[in-house]
Amino acid sequence: MSGFVFHDTGFDGLALVQRKPFTDTRGVFERLYCFNQLSQLVGNKTIQQTNMSVTRKPGVVRGLHFQYPPYSETKIISCIQGRVWDVAVDLREGSKTFLMHYAVELSDDAHNTLIIPEGFAHGFQALTADCKLVYFHTTDFQDQEQGTLNAMDPRLDIEWPLKVIGRSEKDLSPPPIPEGFSGLAQL
C-alpha cells in the first residue's frame, strides 16, 4: 500500500515527505495524511482543520503567513494540481536557522508534501495555472492571531522563480522585519 519517505531539509522539524502512490489500471490511490506514519513529525497533535486553495494565475504569491503562540500550528502542505514554489521561513526565537528559508517545488507529479512545524511562516508562488493546495492544520485558524511577513522583504532574500503578481492587500501591507525582531517564543 502507499506510504511515505522522509527527506531532511536541514531545518529542525521541517520535513519534505515523498508520498508513495499506488497505481494500477484503475488509476492512482495516494495517502495525503496518516497519523501513525507522520506522528514522528507532528507529535501527538491532531489535525484540527483542512483547507484547500486554488490559485488561478502563474506568478501569484500567497503569504507568508503564521499564527502567534499559543495558536502556532504545524502545517502539512500538498499540491494536488499544478506546481508551486513553496517557502517556509523559520521565525523561532533562538533557532540556528532563524530568518532563513527553505524552498521547494511541490507538484501533483512529484507527489511531495512539506511538513512545516510551529514557529514558521508559510507562503508559495503558483508556477502553473489553477494550482490546488491542500493544507492540514493542527490548530484552528485564529484571525486575530495571524501574522504576515512581506514576501518581498530583503532580509528574507527569497528568490521567487517567476515575476511576482497578484498579491492580496493583506500580503502587501506588512512592513519589513524590524532589526530588533528576535523571533517567536516557543511554548
Protein backbone atom coordinates (compact mmCIF):
# COMPACT_ATOMS: atom_id res chain seq x y z
CA MET A 1 0.00 0.00 0.00
CA SER A 2 1.04 3.62 -0.18
CA GLY A 3 3.25 5.30 2.40
CA PHE A 4 5.88 7.98 2.85
CA VAL A 5 9.64 8.56 2.51
CA PHE A 6 11.11 11.37 4.62
CA HIS A 7 13.84 13.78 3.46
CA ASP A 8 15.93 16.04 5.69
CA THR A 9 15.74 19.77 4.95
CA GLY A 10 18.48 20.99 7.30
CA PHE A 11 15.82 22.77 9.42
CA ASP A 12 14.85 21.25 12.76
CA GLY A 13 11.32 19.84 12.49
CA LEU A 14 10.80 20.84 8.84
CA ALA A 15 10.47 17.81 6.58
CA LEU A 16 9.94 17.10 2.92
CA VAL A 17 7.87 13.97 2.52
CA GLN A 18 7.70 11.89 -0.62
CA ARG A 19 4.29 10.28 -0.95
CA LYS A 20 4.26 6.81 -2.48
CA PRO A 21 1.18 6.45 -4.69
CA PHE A 22 -0.34 3.09 -5.57
CA THR A 23 -1.08 2.88 -9.29
CA ASP A 24 -2.96 0.26 -11.24
CA THR A 25 -5.21 0.10 -14.30
CA ARG A 26 -7.97 1.99 -12.47
CA GLY A 27 -5.80 5.00 -11.65
CA VAL A 28 -4.00 6.18 -8.53
CA PHE A 29 -4.56 5.94 -4.79
CA GLU A 30 -2.45 8.24 -2.67
CA ARG A 31 -2.31 8.82 1.08
CA LEU A 32 -2.04 12.52 2.00
CA TYR A 33 -2.02 12.07 5.77
CA CYS A 34 -1.58 9.20 8.21
CA PHE A 35 -1.29 9.94 11.94
CA ASN A 36 0.68 6.76 12.67
CA GLN A 37 3.28 7.45 9.98
CA LEU A 38 3.54 11.23 10.43
CA SER A 39 3.36 11.41 14.23
CA GLN A 40 7.16 11.40 14.42
CA LEU A 41 7.00 14.89 12.87
CA VAL A 42 3.65 16.14 14.09
CA GLY A 43 3.90 14.69 17.62
CA ASN A 44 0.68 13.97 19.46
CA LYS A 45 -1.13 16.88 17.79
CA THR A 46 -4.20 16.07 15.76
CA ILE A 47 -5.46 17.71 12.61
CA GLN A 48 -7.98 20.41 13.58
CA GLN A 49 -8.64 21.96 10.18
CA THR A 50 -8.20 21.09 6.50
CA ASN A 51 -8.20 23.80 3.83
CA MET A 52 -7.76 23.99 0.08
CA SER A 53 -6.67 26.93 -2.05
CA VAL A 54 -6.90 27.40 -5.80
CA THR A 55 -4.56 29.92 -7.41
CA ARG A 56 -5.59 30.81 -10.94
CA LYS A 57 -2.51 32.53 -12.40
CA PRO A 58 1.21 31.71 -12.50
CA GLY A 59 3.28 34.26 -10.61
CA VAL A 60 0.73 34.88 -7.83
CA VAL A 61 2.31 34.77 -4.36
CA ARG A 62 0.27 33.92 -1.26
CA GLY A 63 1.75 34.53 2.18
CA LEU A 64 3.97 34.49 4.16
CA HIS A 65 1.52 33.62 6.98
CA PHE A 66 1.88 32.29 10.52
CA GLN A 67 -0.03 32.27 13.80
CA TYR A 68 1.34 33.71 17.05
CA PRO A 69 1.78 31.48 20.10
CA PRO A 70 -0.15 29.93 21.75
CA TYR A 71 -2.02 29.41 18.44
CA SER A 72 1.07 28.35 16.48
CA GLU A 73 0.36 25.47 14.16
CA THR A 74 2.02 22.69 12.29
CA LYS A 75 1.00 22.73 8.62
CA ILE A 76 1.10 19.82 6.19
CA ILE A 77 1.07 21.17 2.63
CA SER A 78 0.45 19.15 -0.56
CA CYS A 79 -0.01 20.40 -4.11
CA ILE A 80 -2.67 18.21 -5.71
CA GLN A 81 -2.87 20.06 -9.04
CA GLY A 82 -0.18 22.01 -10.84
CA ARG A 83 3.16 23.23 -9.47
CA VAL A 84 4.08 25.73 -6.75
CA TRP A 85 7.29 27.14 -5.25
CA ASP A 86 6.61 26.53 -1.57
CA VAL A 87 8.51 28.53 1.07
CA ALA A 88 8.86 28.12 4.85
CA VAL A 89 10.62 30.82 6.92
CA ASP A 90 11.96 29.97 10.39
CA LEU A 91 10.73 32.52 12.94
CA ARG A 92 11.61 30.53 16.07
CA GLU A 93 13.46 32.53 18.69
CA GLY A 94 16.93 31.07 19.25
CA SER A 95 16.80 28.73 16.24
CA LYS A 96 20.09 28.18 14.39
CA THR A 97 18.14 28.75 11.15
CA PHE A 98 16.30 31.88 12.38
CA LEU A 99 15.03 34.04 9.46
CA MET A 100 16.39 31.52 6.96
CA HIS A 101 14.01 29.95 4.48
CA TYR A 102 13.56 26.60 2.82
CA ALA A 103 12.01 26.49 -0.65
CA VAL A 104 10.93 23.52 -2.73
CA GLU A 105 8.74 22.86 -5.74
CA LEU A 106 5.63 20.93 -4.76
CA SER A 107 3.56 19.39 -7.53
CA ASP A 108 0.97 16.79 -8.34
CA ASP A 109 3.55 14.94 -10.45
CA ALA A 110 6.23 14.93 -7.73
CA HIS A 111 3.85 13.55 -5.06
CA ASN A 112 5.60 15.53 -2.33
CA THR A 113 4.45 17.20 0.87
CA LEU A 114 6.06 19.80 3.12
CA ILE A 115 5.55 19.46 6.87
CA ILE A 116 6.06 22.87 8.46
CA PRO A 117 6.41 22.97 12.25
CA GLU A 118 5.15 25.62 14.65
CA GLY A 119 7.09 28.86 14.50
CA PHE A 120 7.44 29.05 10.72
CA ALA A 121 5.78 31.38 8.23
CA HIS A 122 4.49 29.79 5.03
CA GLY A 123 3.84 31.06 1.53
CA PHE A 124 4.02 29.95 -2.07
CA GLN A 125 4.13 31.10 -5.67
CA ALA A 126 1.98 29.44 -8.33
CA LEU A 127 4.16 28.19 -11.18
CA THR A 128 1.24 26.98 -13.30
CA ALA A 129 -2.39 27.98 -13.75
CA ASP A 130 -5.09 26.61 -11.45
CA CYS A 131 -2.82 25.28 -8.71
CA LYS A 132 -4.60 23.47 -5.89
CA LEU A 133 -3.05 23.10 -2.45
CA VAL A 134 -4.41 21.08 0.45
CA TYR A 135 -3.40 22.23 3.94
CA PHE A 136 -3.77 20.19 7.13
CA HIS A 137 -3.51 22.34 10.30
CA THR A 138 -3.00 21.26 13.91
CA THR A 139 -4.76 24.40 15.22
CA ASP A 140 -7.96 26.16 14.24
CA PHE A 141 -7.37 29.42 12.38
CA GLN A 142 -7.49 32.47 14.68
CA ASP A 143 -7.79 35.62 12.57
CA GLN A 144 -6.72 37.94 15.39
CA GLU A 145 -3.58 35.79 16.00
CA GLN A 146 -2.40 35.65 12.39
CA GLY A 147 0.83 37.30 11.37
CA THR A 148 2.08 38.08 7.89
CA LEU A 149 5.59 38.72 6.61
CA ASN A 150 6.17 40.62 3.40
CA ALA A 151 7.25 38.00 0.83
CA MET A 152 9.47 40.63 -0.80
CA ASP A 153 11.29 41.61 2.44
CA PRO A 154 15.01 41.94 1.55
CA ARG A 155 16.02 40.38 4.90
CA LEU A 156 14.42 37.11 3.76
CA ASP A 157 16.21 37.10 0.39
CA ILE A 158 13.63 34.82 -1.25
CA GLU A 159 14.17 34.34 -4.97
CA TRP A 160 10.75 33.77 -6.47
CA PRO A 161 11.03 31.82 -9.75
CA LEU A 162 8.51 33.97 -11.66
CA LYS A 163 7.73 37.68 -11.71
CA VAL A 164 5.58 38.27 -8.61
CA ILE A 165 1.98 39.29 -9.37
CA GLY A 166 -1.42 39.23 -7.72
CA ARG A 167 -0.66 39.59 -4.01
CA SER A 168 -3.55 40.37 -1.65
CA GLU A 169 -3.85 43.68 0.22
CA LYS A 170 -3.04 41.86 3.47
CA ASP A 171 0.12 40.35 1.94
CA LEU A 172 1.25 43.71 0.53
CA SER A 173 0.84 45.63 3.80
CA PRO A 174 3.40 44.20 6.26
CA PRO A 175 6.43 46.44 6.82
CA PRO A 176 9.93 44.95 6.61
CA ILE A 177 11.03 42.83 9.55
CA PRO A 178 12.45 45.23 12.17
CA GLU A 179 16.15 44.92 13.05
CA GLY A 180 15.36 44.08 16.68
CA PHE A 181 12.97 41.21 15.89
CA SER A 182 14.19 38.22 17.91
CA GLY A 183 11.61 35.69 16.83
CA LEU A 184 8.58 33.87 18.18
CA ALA A 185 8.95 32.36 21.63
CA GLN A 186 8.13 28.66 21.61
CA LEU A 187 5.76 27.40 24.28
